[in-house]
């Protein structure tokens, strides 16, 4: 506030307030768009498909899906069987051939 003669004049005229508000809004939008761009790039990188680490195999006894690397394996002839546990493997071995 300053004085012009004996009148007090406010230095923040309505036009000056409008200009400051517009500048503030433009600055806000610029900063916001920069931050959103960085966030979108980061989430896009996170969403990139990762290669399949392991495939799922089905246990022939209990029909549970098990990661192939963690499964118990039994090889009979040319066929490899995968099991969720030693117990399912033993059950499979004890089954008669026609039930398999």
Protein backbone atom coordinates (compact mmCIF):
# COMPACT_ATOMS: atom_id res chain seq x y z
CA UNK A 1 0.00 0.00 0.00
CA UNK A 2 1.30 3.43 -0.79
CA UNK A 3 -0.06 6.96 -0.46
CA UNK A 4 -0.86 9.26 -3.34
CA UNK A 5 -1.45 12.62 -1.85
CA UNK A 6 -3.73 12.04 1.12
CA UNK A 7 -5.32 8.86 -0.38
CA UNK A 8 -4.08 5.35 0.33
CA UNK A 9 -3.69 3.38 -2.90
CA UNK A 10 -3.49 -0.41 -2.79
CA UNK A 11 -0.64 -1.77 -4.92
CA UNK A 12 -2.62 -4.97 -5.63
CA UNK A 13 -5.09 -3.71 -8.17
CA UNK A 14 -7.65 -6.16 -9.54
CA UNK A 15 -5.78 -6.37 -12.84
CA UNK A 16 -2.55 -7.24 -11.05
CA UNK A 17 -4.37 -9.92 -9.02
CA UNK A 18 -5.78 -11.45 -12.20
CA UNK A 19 -2.34 -11.50 -13.86
CA UNK A 20 -0.79 -13.13 -10.78
CA UNK A 21 -3.59 -15.70 -10.62
CA UNK A 22 -3.10 -16.59 -14.30
CA UNK A 23 0.68 -16.90 -13.85
CA UNK A 24 0.19 -19.05 -10.77
CA UNK A 25 -2.24 -21.32 -12.66
CA UNK A 26 0.13 -21.69 -15.62
CA UNK A 27 3.01 -22.56 -13.27
CA UNK A 28 0.83 -25.06 -11.45
CA UNK A 29 -0.17 -26.77 -14.71
CA UNK A 30 3.44 -26.94 -15.94
CA UNK A 31 4.71 -28.49 -12.72
CA UNK A 32 1.77 -30.89 -12.58
CA UNK A 33 2.27 -32.04 -16.18
CA UNK A 34 5.98 -32.64 -15.57
CA UNK A 35 5.25 -34.71 -12.48
CA UNK A 36 2.52 -36.69 -14.26
CA UNK A 37 4.85 -37.41 -17.19
CA UNK A 38 7.47 -38.79 -14.82
CA UNK A 39 4.85 -40.89 -13.00
CA UNK A 40 3.43 -42.27 -16.26
CA UNK A 41 6.90 -43.21 -17.52
CA UNK A 42 7.64 -44.97 -14.26
CA UNK A 43 4.37 -46.93 -14.27
CA UNK A 44 4.83 -47.82 -17.95
CA UNK A 45 8.23 -49.30 -17.11
CA UNK A 46 6.69 -51.23 -14.21
CA UNK A 47 3.97 -52.63 -16.47
CA UNK A 48 6.36 -54.00 -19.08
CA UNK A 49 5.81 -57.68 -19.43
CA UNK A 50 8.40 -59.78 -17.71
CA UNK A 51 9.41 -63.03 -19.35
CA UNK A 52 7.79 -66.14 -17.94
CA UNK A 53 10.01 -67.47 -15.19
CA UNK A 54 8.45 -70.92 -14.93
CA UNK A 55 5.58 -72.90 -16.40
CA UNK A 56 2.87 -74.63 -14.41
CA UNK A 57 2.43 -78.39 -14.62
CA UNK A 58 -0.49 -80.44 -13.36
CA UNK A 59 -0.06 -83.10 -10.72
CA UNK A 60 -1.73 -86.27 -12.16
CA UNK A 61 -2.89 -87.39 -8.69
CA UNK A 62 -4.46 -84.32 -7.07
CA UNK A 63 -4.58 -82.12 -10.21
CA UNK A 64 -2.82 -79.24 -8.47
CA UNK A 65 -0.88 -76.82 -10.66
CA UNK A 66 2.76 -76.65 -9.58
CA UNK A 67 5.67 -74.55 -10.89
CA UNK A 68 7.76 -76.93 -12.98
CA UNK A 69 11.02 -76.01 -11.22
CA UNK A 70 9.55 -76.82 -7.80
CA UNK A 71 7.73 -80.01 -8.75
CA UNK A 72 8.79 -83.52 -7.76
CA UNK A 73 9.70 -85.38 -10.96
CA UNK A 74 9.22 -89.01 -11.87
CA UNK A 75 10.47 -90.37 -15.17
CA UNK A 76 8.85 -93.54 -16.54
CA UNK A 77 10.19 -94.53 -19.93
CA UNK A 78 10.01 -91.45 -22.12
CA UNK A 79 7.29 -89.79 -20.00
CA UNK A 80 8.09 -87.36 -17.19
CA UNK A 81 5.46 -86.83 -14.50
CA UNK A 82 5.40 -83.84 -12.16
CA UNK A 83 3.95 -83.88 -8.65
CA UNK A 84 3.22 -81.32 -5.96
CA UNK A 85 4.75 -83.53 -3.24
CA UNK A 86 6.52 -86.81 -2.55
CA UNK A 87 3.22 -88.12 -1.16
CA UNK A 88 1.43 -87.63 -4.51
CA UNK A 89 4.40 -89.21 -6.29
CA UNK A 90 4.21 -92.28 -4.02
CA UNK A 91 0.43 -92.51 -4.55
CA UNK A 92 0.98 -92.41 -8.33
CA UNK A 93 3.60 -95.18 -8.15
CA UNK A 94 1.24 -97.39 -6.11
CA UNK A 95 -1.68 -96.97 -8.55
CA UNK A 96 -2.30 -99.78 -11.05
CA UNK A 97 -1.36 -98.90 -14.66
CA UNK A 98 -4.95 -98.75 -15.95
CA UNK A 99 -5.93 -96.00 -13.46
CA UNK A 100 -3.18 -93.67 -14.64
